[in-house]
Amino acid sequence: MQGKLIINYCNMGEYSLGDAIQQFLDKSRIRGDIQAMQIYDVWEHIMGKTVARYTKKLQIFGNKLIISTDVAPLKHELRYQKDNIIKRVNEALGKAVITEIVVQ
């Protein structure tokens, strides 16, 4: 049965479209990519223009935010500020999404 979507109607109640999308994202592998885009959108506001300019990539795997940069002093500063970054990112997203930071 490749390519077919099976829906279990027995457990479905009435959901708003927003709730249905949220449930889909919670169970989907694309959730991390969407959250990374949300973080990237507010990254400059959270961390400032200089940090945002030298951040190459933001990724999320599970509850882990991976920050990539080629600038050694920035890597050191980001590692030093891990707890603060977690707090600020989660506040910006409106929920506790990130519990760990990895700087590469």
PDB file of N, CA and C in Angstrom:
ATOM      1  N   MET A   1       0.827  -1.189   0.000  1.00  0.00           N
ATOM      2  CA  MET A   1       0.000   0.000   0.000  1.00  0.00           C
ATOM      3  C   MET A   1       0.871   1.251   0.000  1.00  0.00           C
ATOM      4  N   GLN A   2       1.770   1.340  -0.913  1.00  0.00           N
ATOM      5  CA  GLN A   2       2.604   2.521  -0.980  1.00  0.00           C
ATOM      6  C   GLN A   2       1.812   3.721  -1.444  1.00  0.00           C
ATOM      7  N   GLY A   3       2.092   4.869  -0.804  1.00  0.00           N
ATOM      8  CA  GLY A   3       1.496   6.117  -1.240  1.00  0.00           C
ATOM      9  C   GLY A   3       0.078   6.349  -0.768  1.00  0.00           C
ATOM     10  N   LYS A   4      -0.462   5.442   0.057  1.00  0.00           N
ATOM     11  CA  LYS A   4      -1.827   5.621   0.528  1.00  0.00           C
ATOM     12  C   LYS A   4      -1.817   6.086   1.972  1.00  0.00           C
ATOM     13  N   LEU A   5      -2.676   6.989   2.283  1.00  0.00           N
ATOM     14  CA  LEU A   5      -2.820   7.525   3.628  1.00  0.00           C
ATOM     15  C   LEU A   5      -3.977   6.816   4.306  1.00  0.00           C
ATOM     16  N   ILE A   6      -3.706   6.254   5.476  1.00  0.00           N
ATOM     17  CA  ILE A   6      -4.751   5.567   6.227  1.00  0.00           C
ATOM     18  C   ILE A   6      -5.088   6.427   7.437  1.00  0.00           C
ATOM     19  N   ILE A   7      -6.347   6.729   7.594  1.00  0.00           N
ATOM     20  CA  ILE A   7      -6.798   7.588   8.682  1.00  0.00           C
ATOM     21  C   ILE A   7      -7.692   6.780   9.607  1.00  0.00           C
ATOM     22  N   ASN A   8      -7.416   6.849  10.889  1.00  0.00           N
ATOM     23  CA  ASN A   8      -8.244   6.177  11.877  1.00  0.00           C
ATOM     24  C   ASN A   8      -9.278   7.177  12.369  1.00  0.00           C
ATOM     25  N   TYR A   9     -10.511   7.039  11.911  1.00  0.00           N
ATOM     26  CA  TYR A   9     -11.566   7.984  12.254  1.00  0.00           C
ATOM     27  C   TYR A   9     -12.120   7.759  13.660  1.00  0.00           C
ATOM     28  N   CYS A  10     -11.844   6.605  14.249  1.00  0.00           N
ATOM     29  CA  CYS A  10     -12.404   6.296  15.573  1.00  0.00           C
ATOM     30  C   CYS A  10     -11.888   7.250  16.646  1.00  0.00           C
ATOM     31  N   ASN A  11     -10.633   7.660  16.540  1.00  0.00           N
ATOM     32  CA  ASN A  11     -10.036   8.516  17.564  1.00  0.00           C
ATOM     33  C   ASN A  11     -10.116   9.991  17.223  1.00  0.00           C
ATOM     34  N   MET A  12     -10.774  10.311  16.132  1.00  0.00           N
ATOM     35  CA  MET A  12     -10.832  11.707  15.721  1.00  0.00           C
ATOM     36  C   MET A  12     -12.058  12.375  16.313  1.00  0.00           C
ATOM     37  N   GLY A  13     -11.855  13.471  16.958  1.00  0.00           N
ATOM     38  CA  GLY A  13     -12.952  14.283  17.446  1.00  0.00           C
ATOM     39  C   GLY A  13     -13.014  15.514  16.579  1.00  0.00           C
ATOM     40  N   GLU A  14     -13.542  16.564  17.131  1.00  0.00           N
ATOM     41  CA  GLU A  14     -13.548  17.811  16.394  1.00  0.00           C
ATOM     42  C   GLU A  14     -12.293  18.589  16.749  1.00  0.00           C
ATOM     43  N   TYR A  15     -11.529  18.930  15.745  1.00  0.00           N
ATOM     44  CA  TYR A  15     -10.299  19.694  15.922  1.00  0.00           C
ATOM     45  C   TYR A  15     -10.367  20.938  15.050  1.00  0.00           C
ATOM     46  N   SER A  16      -9.778  21.996  15.549  1.00  0.00           N
ATOM     47  CA  SER A  16      -9.621  23.156  14.681  1.00  0.00           C
ATOM     48  C   SER A  16      -8.510  22.838  13.695  1.00  0.00           C
ATOM     49  N   LEU A  17      -8.442  23.568  12.626  1.00  0.00           N
ATOM     50  CA  LEU A  17      -7.394  23.344  11.645  1.00  0.00           C
ATOM     51  C   LEU A  17      -6.021  23.525  12.292  1.00  0.00           C
ATOM     52  N   GLY A  18      -5.891  24.534  13.150  1.00  0.00           N
ATOM     53  CA  GLY A  18      -4.626  24.772  13.847  1.00  0.00           C
ATOM     54  C   GLY A  18      -4.225  23.598  14.713  1.00  0.00           C
ATOM     55  N   ASP A  19      -5.187  23.017  15.447  1.00  0.00           N
ATOM     56  CA  ASP A  19      -4.903  21.852  16.289  1.00  0.00           C
ATOM     57  C   ASP A  19      -4.493  20.651  15.442  1.00  0.00           C
ATOM     58  N   ALA A  20      -5.180  20.458  14.328  1.00  0.00           N
ATOM     59  CA  ALA A  20      -4.868  19.336  13.444  1.00  0.00           C
ATOM     60  C   ALA A  20      -3.464  19.482  12.868  1.00  0.00           C
ATOM     61  N   ILE A  21      -3.105  20.680  12.446  1.00  0.00           N
ATOM     62  CA  ILE A  21      -1.763  20.923  11.911  1.00  0.00           C
ATOM     63  C   ILE A  21      -0.725  20.718  12.998  1.00  0.00           C
ATOM     64  N   GLN A  22      -0.990  21.213  14.210  1.00  0.00           N
ATOM     65  CA  GLN A  22      -0.051  21.046  15.319  1.00  0.00           C
ATOM     66  C   GLN A  22       0.163  19.570  15.641  1.00  0.00           C
ATOM     67  N   GLN A  23      -0.899  18.784  15.644  1.00  0.00           N
ATOM     68  CA  GLN A  23      -0.767  17.348  15.898  1.00  0.00           C
ATOM     69  C   GLN A  23       0.050  16.676  14.801  1.00  0.00           C
ATOM     70  N   PHE A  24      -0.185  17.081  13.561  1.00  0.00           N
ATOM     71  CA  PHE A  24       0.595  16.543  12.452  1.00  0.00           C
ATOM     72  C   PHE A  24       2.075  16.870  12.630  1.00  0.00           C
ATOM     73  N   LEU A  25       2.384  18.124  12.945  1.00  0.00           N
ATOM     74  CA  LEU A  25       3.779  18.536  13.095  1.00  0.00           C
ATOM     75  C   LEU A  25       4.444  17.846  14.276  1.00  0.00           C
ATOM     76  N   ASP A  26       3.696  17.633  15.361  1.00  0.00           N
ATOM     77  CA  ASP A  26       4.260  16.971  16.533  1.00  0.00           C
ATOM     78  C   ASP A  26       4.710  15.550  16.206  1.00  0.00           C
ATOM     79  N   LYS A  27       4.052  14.913  15.248  1.00  0.00           N
ATOM     80  CA  LYS A  27       4.374  13.535  14.882  1.00  0.00           C
ATOM     81  C   LYS A  27       5.223  13.445  13.612  1.00  0.00           C
ATOM     82  N   SER A  28       5.514  14.552  13.005  1.00  0.00           N
ATOM     83  CA  SER A  28       6.189  14.581  11.715  1.00  0.00           C
ATOM     84  C   SER A  28       7.694  14.785  11.869  1.00  0.00           C
ATOM     85  N   ARG A  29       8.434  14.280  10.892  1.00  0.00           N
ATOM     86  CA  ARG A  29       9.883  14.483  10.875  1.00  0.00           C
ATOM     87  C   ARG A  29      10.263  15.898  10.448  1.00  0.00           C
ATOM     88  N   ILE A  30       9.341  16.643   9.861  1.00  0.00           N
ATOM     89  CA  ILE A  30       9.673  17.997   9.406  1.00  0.00           C
ATOM     90  C   ILE A  30       9.551  19.026  10.526  1.00  0.00           C
ATOM     91  N   ARG A  31       9.094  18.605  11.694  1.00  0.00           N
ATOM     92  CA  ARG A  31       8.914  19.521  12.819  1.00  0.00           C
ATOM     93  C   ARG A  31      10.198  20.299  13.127  1.00  0.00           C
ATOM     94  N   GLY A  32      11.332  19.598  13.184  1.00  0.00           N
ATOM     95  CA  GLY A  32      12.600  20.250  13.487  1.00  0.00           C
ATOM     96  C   GLY A  32      12.984  21.297  12.458  1.00  0.00           C
ATOM     97  N   ASP A  33      12.730  21.008  11.192  1.00  0.00           N
ATOM     98  CA  ASP A  33      13.041  21.967  10.125  1.00  0.00           C
ATOM     99  C   ASP A  33      12.184  23.219  10.257  1.00  0.00           C
ATOM    100  N   ILE A  34      10.919  23.035  10.570  1.00  0.00           N
ATOM    101  CA  ILE A  34      10.019  24.185  10.728  1.00  0.00           C
ATOM    102  C   ILE A  34      10.422  25.010  11.936  1.00  0.00           C
ATOM    103  N   GLN A  35      10.765  24.343  13.039  1.00  0.00           N
ATOM    104  CA  GLN A  35      11.190  25.069  14.233  1.00  0.00           C
ATOM    105  C   GLN A  35      12.513  25.791  13.976  1.00  0.00           C
ATOM    106  N   ALA A  36      13.411  25.173  13.229  1.00  0.00           N
ATOM    107  CA  ALA A  36      14.675  25.828  12.895  1.00  0.00           C
ATOM    108  C   ALA A  36      14.421  27.089  12.082  1.00  0.00           C
ATOM    109  N   MET A  37      13.457  27.038  11.162  1.00  0.00           N
ATOM    110  CA  MET A  37      13.112  28.233  10.387  1.00  0.00           C
ATOM    111  C   MET A  37      12.537  29.312  11.305  1.00  0.00           C
ATOM    112  N   GLN A  38      11.713  28.911  12.272  1.00  0.00           N
ATOM    113  CA  GLN A  38      11.152  29.879  13.214  1.00  0.00           C
ATOM    114  C   GLN A  38      12.278  30.524  14.025  1.00  0.00           C
ATOM    115  N   ILE A  39      13.229  29.722  14.475  1.00  0.00           N
ATOM    116  CA  ILE A  39      14.353  30.262  15.245  1.00  0.00           C
ATOM    117  C   ILE A  39      15.189  31.177  14.355  1.00  0.00           C
ATOM    118  N   TYR A  40      15.448  30.751  13.140  1.00  0.00           N
ATOM    119  CA  TYR A  40      16.249  31.568  12.226  1.00  0.00           C
ATOM    120  C   TYR A  40      15.595  32.924  11.989  1.00  0.00           C
ATOM    121  N   ASP A  41      14.262  32.947  11.930  1.00  0.00           N
ATOM    122  CA  ASP A  41      13.538  34.200  11.727  1.00  0.00           C
ATOM    123  C   ASP A  41      13.740  35.186  12.875  1.00  0.00           C
ATOM    124  N   VAL A  42      13.915  34.697  14.088  1.00  0.00           N
ATOM    125  CA  VAL A  42      14.076  35.580  15.253  1.00  0.00           C
ATOM    126  C   VAL A  42      15.510  35.596  15.780  1.00  0.00           C
ATOM    127  N   TRP A  43      16.423  34.881  15.109  1.00  0.00           N
ATOM    128  CA  TRP A  43      17.804  34.743  15.579  1.00  0.00           C
ATOM    129  C   TRP A  43      18.492  36.098  15.735  1.00  0.00           C
ATOM    130  N   GLU A  44      18.329  36.982  14.770  1.00  0.00           N
ATOM    131  CA  GLU A  44      18.958  38.305  14.854  1.00  0.00           C
ATOM    132  C   GLU A  44      18.406  39.091  16.040  1.00  0.00           C
ATOM    133  N   HIS A  45      17.111  39.013  16.259  1.00  0.00           N
ATOM    134  CA  HIS A  45      16.496  39.706  17.396  1.00  0.00           C
ATOM    135  C   HIS A  45      16.995  39.126  18.726  1.00  0.00           C
ATOM    136  N   ILE A  46      17.136  37.818  18.781  1.00  0.00           N
ATOM    137  CA  ILE A  46      17.565  37.152  20.016  1.00  0.00           C
ATOM    138  C   ILE A  46      19.044  37.410  20.294  1.00  0.00           C
ATOM    139  N   MET A  47      19.887  37.262  19.258  1.00  0.00           N
ATOM    140  CA  MET A  47      21.340  37.258  19.469  1.00  0.00           C
ATOM    141  C   MET A  47      22.058  38.510  18.975  1.00  0.00           C
ATOM    142  N   GLY A  48      21.394  39.321  18.180  1.00  0.00           N
ATOM    143  CA  GLY A  48      22.035  40.515  17.659  1.00  0.00           C
ATOM    144  C   GLY A  48      22.521  40.322  16.229  1.00  0.00           C
ATOM    145  N   LYS A  49      22.772  41.452  15.561  1.00  0.00           N
ATOM    146  CA  LYS A  49      23.129  41.427  14.135  1.00  0.00           C
ATOM    147  C   LYS A  49      24.458  40.731  13.866  1.00  0.00           C
ATOM    148  N   THR A  50      25.452  40.977  14.707  1.00  0.00           N
ATOM    149  CA  THR A  50      26.773  40.402  14.465  1.00  0.00           C
ATOM    150  C   THR A  50      26.751  38.887  14.563  1.00  0.00           C
ATOM    151  N   VAL A  51      26.134  38.366  15.606  1.00  0.00           N
ATOM    152  CA  VAL A  51      26.036  36.913  15.770  1.00  0.00           C
ATOM    153  C   VAL A  51      25.243  36.316  14.609  1.00  0.00           C
ATOM    154  N   ALA A  52      24.136  36.936  14.255  1.00  0.00           N
ATOM    155  CA  ALA A  52      23.310  36.429  13.156  1.00  0.00           C
ATOM    156  C   ALA A  52      24.086  36.427  11.842  1.00  0.00           C
ATOM    157  N   ARG A  53      24.882  37.454  11.614  1.00  0.00           N
ATOM    158  CA  ARG A  53      25.647  37.563  10.368  1.00  0.00           C
ATOM    159  C   ARG A  53      26.656  36.423  10.239  1.00  0.00           C
ATOM    160  N   TYR A  54      27.265  36.004  11.345  1.00  0.00           N
ATOM    161  CA  TYR A  54      28.304  34.979  11.299  1.00  0.00           C
ATOM    162  C   TYR A  54      27.806  33.580  11.652  1.00  0.00           C
ATOM    163  N   THR A  55      26.513  33.422  11.822  1.00  0.00           N
ATOM    164  CA  THR A  55      25.941  32.095  12.027  1.00  0.00           C
ATOM    165  C   THR A  55      25.662  31.493  10.654  1.00  0.00           C
ATOM    166  N   LYS A  56      26.295  30.360  10.372  1.00  0.00           N
ATOM    167  CA  LYS A  56      26.123  29.728   9.059  1.00  0.00           C
ATOM    168  C   LYS A  56      24.829  28.944   8.957  1.00  0.00           C
ATOM    169  N   LYS A  57      24.494  28.205  10.021  1.00  0.00           N
ATOM    170  CA  LYS A  57      23.353  27.305   9.929  1.00  0.00           C
ATOM    171  C   LYS A  57      22.787  27.033  11.321  1.00  0.00           C
ATOM    172  N   LEU A  58      21.460  26.887  11.378  1.00  0.00           N
ATOM    173  CA  LEU A  58      20.761  26.473  12.588  1.00  0.00           C
ATOM    174  C   LEU A  58      19.975  25.215  12.239  1.00  0.00           C
ATOM    175  N   GLN A  59      20.127  24.181  13.063  1.00  0.00           N
ATOM    176  CA  GLN A  59      19.393  22.940  12.856  1.00  0.00           C
ATOM    177  C   GLN A  59      18.832  22.468  14.193  1.00  0.00           C
ATOM    178  N   ILE A  60      17.747  21.718  14.128  1.00  0.00           N
ATOM    179  CA  ILE A  60      17.186  21.115  15.332  1.00  0.00           C
ATOM    180  C   ILE A  60      17.060  19.624  15.119  1.00  0.00           C
ATOM    181  N   PHE A  61      17.584  18.869  16.060  1.00  0.00           N
ATOM    182  CA  PHE A  61      17.411  17.422  16.105  1.00  0.00           C
ATOM    183  C   PHE A  61      16.834  17.098  17.465  1.00  0.00           C
ATOM    184  N   GLY A  62      15.577  16.706  17.478  1.00  0.00           N
ATOM    185  CA  GLY A  62      14.902  16.464  18.756  1.00  0.00           C
ATOM    186  C   GLY A  62      14.791  17.774  19.508  1.00  0.00           C
ATOM    187  N   ASN A  63      15.362  17.829  20.693  1.00  0.00           N
ATOM    188  CA  ASN A  63      15.362  19.051  21.515  1.00  0.00           C
ATOM    189  C   ASN A  63      16.717  19.747  21.509  1.00  0.00           C
ATOM    190  N   LYS A  64      17.550  19.398  20.537  1.00  0.00           N
ATOM    191  CA  LYS A  64      18.913  19.925  20.457  1.00  0.00           C
ATOM    192  C   LYS A  64      19.017  20.939  19.328  1.00  0.00           C
ATOM    193  N   LEU A  65      19.475  22.160  19.642  1.00  0.00           N
ATOM    194  CA  LEU A  65      19.734  23.189  18.636  1.00  0.00           C
ATOM    195  C   LEU A  65      21.208  23.141  18.281  1.00  0.00           C
ATOM    196  N   ILE A  66      21.492  22.968  16.995  1.00  0.00           N
ATOM    197  CA  ILE A  66      22.868  22.930  16.515  1.00  0.00           C
ATOM    198  C   ILE A  66      23.140  24.234  15.790  1.00  0.00           C
ATOM    199  N   ILE A  67      24.156  24.943  16.272  1.00  0.00           N
ATOM    200  CA  ILE A  67      24.539  26.246  15.731  1.00  0.00           C
ATOM    201  C   ILE A  67      25.889  26.080  15.045  1.00  0.00           C
ATOM    202  N   SER A  68      25.979  26.441  13.774  1.00  0.00           N
ATOM    203  CA  SER A  68      27.227  26.314  13.022  1.00  0.00           C
ATOM    204  C   SER A  68      27.775  27.688  12.690  1.00  0.00           C
ATOM    205  N   THR A  69      29.080  27.841  12.937  1.00  0.00           N
ATOM    206  CA  THR A  69      29.795  29.076  12.587  1.00  0.00           C
ATOM    207  C   THR A  69      31.263  28.729  12.358  1.00  0.00           C
ATOM    208  N   ASP A  70      31.937  29.529  11.530  1.00  0.00           N
ATOM    209  CA  ASP A  70      33.366  29.348  11.278  1.00  0.00           C
ATOM    210  C   ASP A  70      34.218  30.284  12.122  1.00  0.00           C
ATOM    211  N   VAL A  71      33.597  31.133  12.916  1.00  0.00           N
ATOM    212  CA  VAL A  71      34.312  32.156  13.681  1.00  0.00           C
ATOM    213  C   VAL A  71      34.615  31.617  15.082  1.00  0.00           C
ATOM    214  N   ALA A  72      35.900  31.348  15.351  1.00  0.00           N
ATOM    215  CA  ALA A  72      36.307  30.726  16.617  1.00  0.00           C
ATOM    216  C   ALA A  72      35.885  31.517  17.862  1.00  0.00           C
ATOM    217  N   PRO A  73      36.101  32.842  17.907  1.00  0.00           N
ATOM    218  CA  PRO A  73      35.670  33.574  19.105  1.00  0.00           C
ATOM    219  C   PRO A  73      34.146  33.503  19.317  1.00  0.00           C
ATOM    220  N   LEU A  74      33.387  33.472  18.221  1.00  0.00           N
ATOM    221  CA  LEU A  74      31.937  33.359  18.331  1.00  0.00           C
ATOM    222  C   LEU A  74      31.553  31.980  18.864  1.00  0.00           C
ATOM    223  N   LYS A  75      32.237  30.939  18.412  1.00  0.00           N
ATOM    224  CA  LYS A  75      31.984  29.591  18.939  1.00  0.00           C
ATOM    225  C   LYS A  75      32.170  29.580  20.452  1.00  0.00           C
ATOM    226  N   HIS A  76      33.255  30.168  20.902  1.00  0.00           N
ATOM    227  CA  HIS A  76      33.540  30.219  22.339  1.00  0.00           C
ATOM    228  C   HIS A  76      32.437  30.962  23.087  1.00  0.00           C
ATOM    229  N   GLU A  77      32.021  32.105  22.580  1.00  0.00           N
ATOM    230  CA  GLU A  77      30.974  32.907  23.230  1.00  0.00           C
ATOM    231  C   GLU A  77      29.635  32.164  23.246  1.00  0.00           C
ATOM    232  N   LEU A  78      29.290  31.503  22.152  1.00  0.00           N
ATOM    233  CA  LEU A  78      28.039  30.749  22.097  1.00  0.00           C
ATOM    234  C   LEU A  78      28.050  29.591  23.090  1.00  0.00           C
ATOM    235  N   ARG A  79      29.188  28.925  23.218  1.00  0.00           N
ATOM    236  CA  ARG A  79      29.291  27.838  24.205  1.00  0.00           C
ATOM    237  C   ARG A  79      29.138  28.377  25.624  1.00  0.00           C
ATOM    238  N   TYR A  80      29.702  29.533  25.868  1.00  0.00           N
ATOM    239  CA  TYR A  80      29.617  30.158  27.184  1.00  0.00           C
ATOM    240  C   TYR A  80      28.183  30.581  27.510  1.00  0.00           C
ATOM    241  N   GLN A  81      27.411  30.961  26.501  1.00  0.00           N
ATOM    242  CA  GLN A  81      26.053  31.487  26.679  1.00  0.00           C
ATOM    243  C   GLN A  81      24.951  30.437  26.461  1.00  0.00           C
ATOM    244  N   LYS A  82      25.267  29.149  26.485  1.00  0.00           N
ATOM    245  CA  LYS A  82      24.291  28.098  26.155  1.00  0.00           C
ATOM    246  C   LYS A  82      22.985  28.231  26.935  1.00  0.00           C
ATOM    247  N   ASP A  83      23.065  28.368  28.245  1.00  0.00           N
ATOM    248  CA  ASP A  83      21.840  28.434  29.061  1.00  0.00           C
ATOM    249  C   ASP A  83      20.989  29.646  28.684  1.00  0.00           C
ATOM    250  N   ASN A  84      21.653  30.768  28.464  1.00  0.00           N
ATOM    251  CA  ASN A  84      20.942  31.988  28.078  1.00  0.00           C
ATOM    252  C   ASN A  84      20.288  31.831  26.701  1.00  0.00           C
ATOM    253  N   ILE A  85      20.983  31.193  25.776  1.00  0.00           N
ATOM    254  CA  ILE A  85      20.434  30.983  24.428  1.00  0.00           C
ATOM    255  C   ILE A  85      19.208  30.079  24.502  1.00  0.00           C
ATOM    256  N   ILE A  86      19.287  29.012  25.270  1.00  0.00           N
ATOM    257  CA  ILE A  86      18.148  28.101  25.422  1.00  0.00           C
ATOM    258  C   ILE A  86      16.934  28.865  25.943  1.00  0.00           C
ATOM    259  N   LYS A  87      17.150  29.662  26.968  1.00  0.00           N
ATOM    260  CA  LYS A  87      16.055  30.430  27.563  1.00  0.00           C
ATOM    261  C   LYS A  87      15.444  31.395  26.545  1.00  0.00           C
ATOM    262  N   ARG A  88      16.278  32.132  25.833  1.00  0.00           N
ATOM    263  CA  ARG A  88      15.788  33.139  24.889  1.00  0.00           C
ATOM    264  C   ARG A  88      15.087  32.510  23.676  1.00  0.00           C
ATOM    265  N   VAL A  89      15.620  31.409  23.174  1.00  0.00           N
ATOM    266  CA  VAL A  89      14.994  30.734  22.036  1.00  0.00           C
ATOM    267  C   VAL A  89      13.631  30.186  22.441  1.00  0.00           C
ATOM    268  N   ASN A  90      13.567  29.532  23.598  1.00  0.00           N
ATOM    269  CA  ASN A  90      12.287  28.973  24.052  1.00  0.00           C
ATOM    270  C   ASN A  90      11.259  30.071  24.309  1.00  0.00           C
ATOM    271  N   GLU A  91      11.688  31.205  24.843  1.00  0.00           N
ATOM    272  CA  GLU A  91      10.770  32.334  25.031  1.00  0.00           C
ATOM    273  C   GLU A  91      10.253  32.840  23.681  1.00  0.00           C
ATOM    274  N   ALA A  92      11.139  32.919  22.696  1.00  0.00           N
ATOM    275  CA  ALA A  92      10.741  33.402  21.375  1.00  0.00           C
ATOM    276  C   ALA A  92       9.765  32.446  20.698  1.00  0.00           C
ATOM    277  N   LEU A  93       9.914  31.141  20.936  1.00  0.00           N
ATOM    278  CA  LEU A  93       9.024  30.152  20.340  1.00  0.00           C
ATOM    279  C   LEU A  93       7.744  29.961  21.145  1.00  0.00           C
ATOM    280  N   GLY A  94       7.738  30.444  22.366  1.00  0.00           N
ATOM    281  CA  GLY A  94       6.536  30.351  23.185  1.00  0.00           C
ATOM    282  C   GLY A  94       6.346  29.030  23.889  1.00  0.00           C
ATOM    283  N   LYS A  95       7.347  28.159  23.800  1.00  0.00           N
ATOM    284  CA  LYS A  95       7.286  26.890  24.524  1.00  0.00           C
ATOM    285  C   LYS A  95       8.689  26.308  24.630  1.00  0.00           C
ATOM    286  N   ALA A  96       8.856  25.356  25.542  1.00  0.00           N
ATOM    287  CA  ALA A  96      10.164  24.738  25.769  1.00  0.00           C
ATOM    288  C   ALA A  96      10.446  23.724  24.673  1.00  0.00           C
ATOM    289  N   VAL A  97      11.151  24.148  23.648  1.00  0.00           N
ATOM    290  CA  VAL A  97      11.494  23.302  22.517  1.00  0.00           C
ATOM    291  C   VAL A  97      12.929  22.810  22.642  1.00  0.00           C
ATOM    292  N   ILE A  98      13.820  23.690  23.057  1.00  0.00           N
ATOM    293  CA  ILE A  98      15.253  23.417  23.099  1.00  0.00           C
ATOM    294  C   ILE A  98      15.692  23.142  24.542  1.00  0.00           C
ATOM    295  N   THR A  99      16.445  22.054  24.722  1.00  0.00           N
ATOM    296  CA  THR A  99      17.013  21.746  26.036  1.00  0.00           C
ATOM    297  C   THR A  99      18.533  21.639  25.989  1.00  0.00           C
ATOM    298  N   GLU A 100      19.086  21.616  24.770  1.00  0.00           N
ATOM    299  CA  GLU A 100      20.528  21.458  24.627  1.00  0.00           C
ATOM    300  C   GLU A 100      21.021  22.254  23.419  1.00  0.00           C
ATOM    301  N   ILE A 101      22.231  22.799  23.532  1.00  0.00           N
ATOM    302  CA  ILE A 101      22.858  23.552  22.445  1.00  0.00           C
ATOM    303  C   ILE A 101      24.167  22.857  22.073  1.00  0.00           C
ATOM    304  N   VAL A 102      24.399  22.695  20.782  1.00  0.00           N
ATOM    305  CA  VAL A 102      25.669  22.187  20.276  1.00  0.00           C
ATOM    306  C   VAL A 102      26.205  23.244  19.323  1.00  0.00           C
ATOM    307  N   VAL A 103      27.450  23.659  19.544  1.00  0.00           N
ATOM    308  CA  VAL A 103      28.070  24.677  18.696  1.00  0.00           C
ATOM    309  C   VAL A 103      29.149  23.983  17.869  1.00  0.00           C
ATOM    310  N   GLN A 104      29.048  24.155  16.547  1.00  0.00           N
ATOM    311  CA  GLN A 104      30.007  23.543  15.635  1.00  0.00           C
ATOM    312  C   GLN A 104      30.749  24.605  14.853  1.00  0.00           C
TER     313      GLN A 104
END
